[in-house]
Amino acid sequence: MRSKLALGTVQFGIPYGINNTTGIPDQDELNSIFSTAQLNGIQTFDTAIAYGNAEERIRPFLFEGAQVISKFPPASQAHTLAQELDESLKRLGQNHLYAFMAHDADLLLKQPDLWAELIRLQADKLIIKKGYSLYHPEQLEKLLEADFIPEIVQVPYNLLDRRFGPAMKQLHDMGVEIHIRSVFLQGLYLMELSKLPEKLQTISSELKQLHDLALSENVSMSALALNFAIQNPHIDQVVIGVDSSEQLRMNLKVLNSWDDKKNTIFSQVMQLTCSHPELLIPSNWK
């Protein structure tokens, strides 16, 4: 059975995540991660041209039927997109991608010809789905107004950052495949509150409320964060990154052991608000 989890690969090419203390996984760890993924029905792999050498590193593990998604960077132009896709396919050892997405959807608004090129690449069966990665709901409004109707999108969505909630329902009703990222907010939800960076101290009370809620319901923060997304009927795939196979196994465990009766906790999560919502966007942490 296909898992609702998709494996993000950014950690395999570049150091990533506020709670990552181990760096880039070595080859043995990578072997173990992908073995665990395949044994547990994970078939979707999310990568990008900008993720260092991640595309080359995951190539040996891509089995027949694997759904590979890659993203083209903000420097892309319509006349270079076909070449970028070709190079990406060669690095991945694939003859087509499940999806090819704009890494930042603003690029399509600046260069509308890119959308026409995506349509052409789709017609040539080099990609199955076209779409974009979003950072702000306002981007989606502009893209839909411009008639850039995707088959797939990726958006941030998690316990406190629920900005895309209304848009996800709209997209779901349109038949768009919805992938979400940042379910752990780059590991922020899993950090010990005493170790929060100084810049994030201003949202420590909101994070403590989440920790207290999880404690009161006798669930871990990872279980709360992951199931909050997995149980959402509008979400097709939840993209998570891991630094080790043990981390992946732990994530699978909190999914497999979740009791649906605990879903009532999510209504309590929805009551929480964040006094500094800008700090729920990792690019603002710098």
Protein backbone atom coordinates (compact mmCIF):
# COMPACT_ATOMS: atom_id res chain seq x y z
CA MET A 1 0.00 0.00 0.00
CA ARG A 2 1.30 3.41 -0.98
CA SER A 3 2.24 5.55 2.00
CA LYS A 4 0.94 9.08 2.41
CA LEU A 5 4.50 9.97 3.39
CA ALA A 6 6.85 11.33 0.74
CA LEU A 7 10.59 11.38 1.38
CA GLY A 8 12.23 14.78 1.08
CA THR A 9 15.85 14.65 -0.05
CA VAL A 10 17.30 18.07 0.72
CA GLN A 11 19.23 16.62 3.70
CA PHE A 12 21.02 14.23 1.35
CA GLY A 13 22.64 17.04 -0.61
CA ILE A 14 23.09 19.95 1.79
CA PRO A 15 23.05 20.45 5.60
CA TYR A 16 19.49 21.36 6.49
CA GLY A 17 17.20 21.90 9.48
CA ILE A 18 17.40 23.88 12.71
CA ASN A 19 17.41 20.65 14.74
CA ASN A 20 19.88 18.74 12.54
CA THR A 21 23.02 17.94 14.54
CA THR A 22 24.37 15.11 12.36
CA GLY A 23 24.85 16.78 8.98
CA ILE A 24 24.51 15.01 5.63
CA PRO A 25 23.89 11.24 5.92
CA ASP A 26 26.74 9.04 4.65
CA GLN A 27 26.26 6.29 2.08
CA ASP A 28 25.55 3.51 4.58
CA GLU A 29 22.90 5.63 6.27
CA LEU A 30 21.39 6.51 2.90
CA ASN A 31 21.19 2.80 2.03
CA SER A 32 19.36 2.15 5.27
CA ILE A 33 16.98 5.10 4.84
CA PHE A 34 15.86 4.01 1.38
CA SER A 35 15.57 0.37 2.41
CA THR A 36 13.26 1.42 5.25
CA ALA A 37 11.29 3.68 2.91
CA GLN A 38 10.71 0.96 0.33
CA LEU A 39 9.73 -1.63 2.94
CA ASN A 40 7.08 0.76 4.23
CA GLY A 41 5.44 1.72 0.95
CA ILE A 42 7.04 5.14 0.46
CA GLN A 43 6.99 5.70 -3.30
CA THR A 44 7.25 9.48 -3.68
CA PHE A 45 10.60 11.25 -3.53
CA ASP A 46 10.86 15.02 -3.47
CA THR A 47 14.08 16.58 -4.71
CA ALA A 48 15.31 19.72 -6.48
CA ILE A 49 18.09 20.95 -8.71
CA ALA A 50 19.11 23.28 -5.85
CA TYR A 51 19.64 20.44 -3.34
CA GLY A 52 23.38 20.05 -3.92
CA ASN A 53 24.08 16.52 -5.24
CA ALA A 54 20.84 15.04 -3.87
CA GLU A 55 19.59 14.00 -7.32
CA GLU A 56 22.74 11.97 -8.00
CA ARG A 57 22.71 10.40 -4.54
CA ILE A 58 19.14 9.12 -4.73
CA ARG A 59 19.50 7.71 -8.27
CA PRO A 60 20.54 4.16 -7.20
CA PHE A 61 17.47 3.83 -4.98
CA LEU A 62 14.77 4.81 -7.46
CA PHE A 63 12.82 1.65 -8.24
CA GLU A 64 10.32 1.11 -11.06
CA GLY A 65 7.12 2.91 -10.13
CA ALA A 66 8.86 5.48 -7.92
CA GLN A 67 7.27 8.91 -8.23
CA VAL A 68 10.06 11.46 -8.51
CA ILE A 69 9.40 15.17 -8.15
CA SER A 70 12.05 17.77 -8.85
CA LYS A 71 12.01 21.55 -8.90
CA PHE A 72 13.71 24.09 -11.12
CA PRO A 73 15.47 27.06 -9.47
CA PRO A 74 14.64 30.80 -9.61
CA ALA A 75 17.41 31.36 -12.17
CA SER A 76 15.59 29.22 -14.75
CA GLN A 77 14.36 30.69 -18.03
CA ALA A 78 11.96 29.32 -20.62
CA HIS A 79 14.68 28.71 -23.22
CA THR A 80 16.84 26.76 -20.74
CA LEU A 81 14.13 24.77 -18.97
CA ALA A 82 14.19 21.77 -21.33
CA GLN A 83 17.96 21.46 -20.89
CA GLU A 84 17.66 21.75 -17.11
CA LEU A 85 15.04 19.02 -17.10
CA ASP A 86 17.18 16.81 -19.33
CA GLU A 87 20.17 17.22 -17.01
CA SER A 88 17.99 16.51 -13.99
CA LEU A 89 16.63 13.33 -15.62
CA LYS A 90 20.18 12.17 -16.36
CA ARG A 91 21.26 12.75 -12.76
CA LEU A 92 18.23 10.83 -11.56
CA GLY A 93 18.49 8.06 -14.18
CA GLN A 94 14.86 8.59 -15.21
CA ASN A 95 13.16 9.05 -18.58
CA HIS A 96 10.44 11.26 -17.10
CA LEU A 97 9.43 12.93 -13.84
CA TYR A 98 6.20 12.47 -11.97
CA ALA A 99 6.23 16.25 -11.49
CA PHE A 100 8.41 19.23 -12.34
CA MET A 101 7.73 22.30 -10.25
CA ALA A 102 8.85 25.90 -9.91
CA HIS A 103 10.87 26.02 -6.69
CA ASP A 104 9.38 29.45 -6.05
CA ALA A 105 6.08 30.17 -7.81
CA ASP A 106 6.92 33.90 -8.12
CA LEU A 107 9.21 32.92 -10.99
CA LEU A 108 6.17 32.00 -13.10
CA LEU A 109 4.60 35.40 -12.47
CA LYS A 110 7.82 37.10 -13.62
CA GLN A 111 8.33 34.78 -16.58
CA PRO A 112 4.97 33.49 -17.87
CA ASP A 113 6.72 31.77 -20.81
CA LEU A 114 7.94 29.15 -18.32
CA TRP A 115 4.37 27.88 -17.92
CA ALA A 116 4.01 27.44 -21.67
CA GLU A 117 7.28 25.52 -21.68
CA LEU A 118 6.04 23.26 -18.88
CA ILE A 119 2.94 22.52 -20.95
CA ARG A 120 5.19 21.58 -23.89
CA LEU A 121 7.37 19.31 -21.74
CA GLN A 122 4.20 17.69 -20.45
CA ALA A 123 2.92 17.13 -23.99
CA ASP A 124 6.26 15.46 -24.78
CA LYS A 125 5.63 13.11 -21.81
CA LEU A 126 8.80 14.20 -20.06
CA ILE A 127 6.73 15.20 -17.03
CA ILE A 128 3.38 13.88 -15.86
CA LYS A 129 2.37 16.83 -13.71
CA LYS A 130 3.35 20.49 -13.64
CA GLY A 131 3.04 22.77 -10.68
CA TYR A 132 4.75 25.00 -8.19
CA SER A 133 6.00 25.35 -4.65
CA LEU A 134 4.26 28.11 -2.71
CA TYR A 135 5.35 30.19 0.27
CA HIS A 136 2.44 32.62 0.70
CA PRO A 137 -1.30 32.23 -0.08
CA GLU A 138 -1.19 35.51 -2.03
CA GLN A 139 1.03 33.82 -4.60
CA LEU A 140 -1.64 31.25 -5.33
CA GLU A 141 -4.30 33.92 -5.83
CA LYS A 142 -2.15 35.65 -8.46
CA LEU A 143 -1.25 32.40 -10.21
CA LEU A 144 -4.86 31.26 -10.49
CA GLU A 145 -5.86 34.71 -11.75
CA ALA A 146 -3.17 34.31 -14.44
CA ASP A 147 -4.74 30.93 -15.34
CA PHE A 148 -1.69 28.95 -14.22
CA ILE A 149 -3.76 25.97 -13.09
CA PRO A 150 -1.47 23.30 -11.59
CA GLU A 151 -1.91 19.56 -11.28
CA ILE A 152 0.28 19.56 -8.17
CA VAL A 153 1.40 22.08 -5.55
CA GLN A 154 3.61 22.01 -2.49
CA VAL A 155 2.81 24.28 0.45
CA PRO A 156 3.96 24.73 4.07
CA TYR A 157 1.43 23.57 6.64
CA ASN A 158 1.84 22.58 10.26
CA LEU A 159 0.52 22.91 13.80
CA LEU A 160 0.85 26.70 14.00
CA ASP A 161 1.32 27.69 10.36
CA ARG A 162 -2.13 27.05 8.89
CA ARG A 163 -2.18 29.91 6.39
CA PHE A 164 -2.85 27.56 3.48
CA GLY A 165 -5.80 25.81 5.14
CA PRO A 166 -8.55 27.56 3.11
CA ALA A 167 -6.53 27.35 -0.11
CA MET A 168 -5.99 23.61 0.33
CA LYS A 169 -9.73 23.01 0.37
CA GLN A 170 -10.09 25.10 -2.80
CA LEU A 171 -7.27 23.23 -4.54
CA HIS A 172 -8.57 19.85 -3.38
CA ASP A 173 -11.99 20.66 -4.85
CA MET A 174 -10.22 21.55 -8.13
CA GLY A 175 -8.58 18.12 -8.21
CA VAL A 176 -5.07 19.47 -7.57
CA GLU A 177 -2.65 17.08 -5.84
CA ILE A 178 -1.51 18.72 -2.59
CA HIS A 179 1.85 18.00 -0.99
CA ILE A 180 2.82 19.73 2.22
CA ARG A 181 6.21 20.46 3.72
CA SER A 182 7.49 21.88 7.01
CA VAL A 183 5.29 19.59 9.09
CA PHE A 184 7.93 19.75 11.87
CA LEU A 185 8.88 23.33 10.93
CA GLN A 186 12.44 22.17 10.18
CA GLY A 187 12.54 20.41 13.55
CA LEU A 188 11.47 23.44 15.62
CA TYR A 189 8.50 21.60 17.14
CA LEU A 190 10.80 18.81 18.30
CA MET A 191 13.41 21.03 19.96
CA GLU A 192 13.76 21.35 23.69
CA LEU A 193 12.31 24.76 24.53
CA SER A 194 15.38 25.61 26.60
CA LYS A 195 17.48 25.35 23.42
CA LEU A 196 15.44 27.74 21.28
CA PRO A 197 17.57 30.28 19.38
CA GLU A 198 17.25 33.80 20.76
CA LYS A 199 15.32 35.05 17.73
CA LEU A 200 12.60 32.44 18.32
CA GLN A 201 12.18 33.08 22.03
CA THR A 202 9.22 35.34 21.27
CA ILE A 203 7.11 32.34 20.22
CA SER A 204 8.24 30.11 23.08
CA SER A 205 4.87 30.47 24.84
CA GLU A 206 3.02 29.16 21.76
CA LEU A 207 5.45 26.26 21.47
CA LYS A 208 4.99 25.51 25.17
CA GLN A 209 1.21 25.40 24.66
CA LEU A 210 1.72 22.74 21.99
CA HIS A 211 4.09 20.76 24.19
CA ASP A 212 1.63 20.96 27.09
CA LEU A 213 -1.23 19.85 24.85
CA ALA A 214 0.75 16.85 23.63
CA LEU A 215 1.68 15.98 27.19
CA SER A 216 -1.92 16.21 28.39
CA GLU A 217 -3.03 13.81 25.63
CA ASN A 218 -0.06 11.49 26.20
CA VAL A 219 1.29 11.83 22.66
CA SER A 220 4.75 12.87 21.48
CA MET A 221 5.28 16.15 19.64
CA SER A 222 6.37 14.21 16.55
CA ALA A 223 3.15 12.17 16.67
CA LEU A 224 1.05 15.30 17.09
CA ALA A 225 2.80 17.23 14.30
CA LEU A 226 2.87 14.41 11.78
CA ASN A 227 -0.65 13.13 12.33
CA PHE A 228 -2.04 16.67 12.25
CA ALA A 229 -1.08 16.67 8.58
CA ILE A 230 -1.56 13.01 7.70
CA GLN A 231 -5.14 12.96 8.99
CA ASN A 232 -6.13 16.02 6.93
CA PRO A 233 -8.34 14.74 4.07
CA HIS A 234 -7.28 17.56 1.75
CA ILE A 235 -3.61 16.54 1.85
CA ASP A 236 -2.33 13.90 -0.59
CA GLN A 237 1.29 13.61 0.52
CA VAL A 238 3.30 14.81 3.50
CA VAL A 239 6.94 15.46 2.62
CA ILE A 240 9.34 14.78 5.48
CA GLY A 241 13.11 14.87 5.58
CA VAL A 242 15.16 12.57 7.78
CA ASP A 243 18.81 12.46 8.81
CA SER A 244 18.83 8.74 9.64
CA SER A 245 16.91 5.51 9.11
CA GLU A 246 16.14 5.48 12.83
CA GLN A 247 14.43 8.84 12.46
CA LEU A 248 12.35 7.50 9.58
CA ARG A 249 11.40 4.40 11.56
CA MET A 250 10.30 6.58 14.47
CA ASN A 251 8.12 8.67 12.15
CA LEU A 252 6.54 5.54 10.72
CA LYS A 253 5.94 4.23 14.21
CA VAL A 254 4.05 7.36 15.32
CA LEU A 255 1.85 7.02 12.24
CA ASN A 256 1.17 3.31 12.59
CA SER A 257 0.44 3.53 16.32
CA TRP A 258 -1.86 6.55 16.10
CA ASP A 259 -5.34 5.99 17.50
CA ASP A 260 -7.95 7.81 15.40
CA LYS A 261 -9.85 8.54 18.61
CA LYS A 262 -7.10 11.04 19.39
CA ASN A 263 -8.12 13.15 16.36
CA THR A 264 -10.18 15.29 18.75
CA ILE A 265 -6.88 16.88 19.80
CA PHE A 266 -6.67 18.61 16.42
CA SER A 267 -9.64 20.86 17.24
CA GLN A 268 -7.64 22.10 20.24
CA VAL A 269 -4.63 22.74 18.00
CA MET A 270 -6.82 24.82 15.69
CA GLN A 271 -7.69 27.10 18.60
CA LEU A 272 -4.04 28.09 19.07
CA THR A 273 -2.73 31.25 17.45
CA CYS A 274 0.76 32.67 17.06
CA SER A 275 1.57 36.21 18.16
CA HIS A 276 4.46 36.45 15.69
CA PRO A 277 3.34 34.51 12.60
CA GLU A 278 6.30 35.82 10.61
CA LEU A 279 8.52 33.55 12.75
CA LEU A 280 6.70 30.50 11.41
CA ILE A 281 8.48 31.13 8.10
CA PRO A 282 12.04 29.71 8.30
CA SER A 283 13.44 32.26 5.84
CA ASN A 284 12.75 34.89 8.54
CA TRP A 285 14.99 33.13 11.05
CA LYS A 286 18.20 34.47 9.51
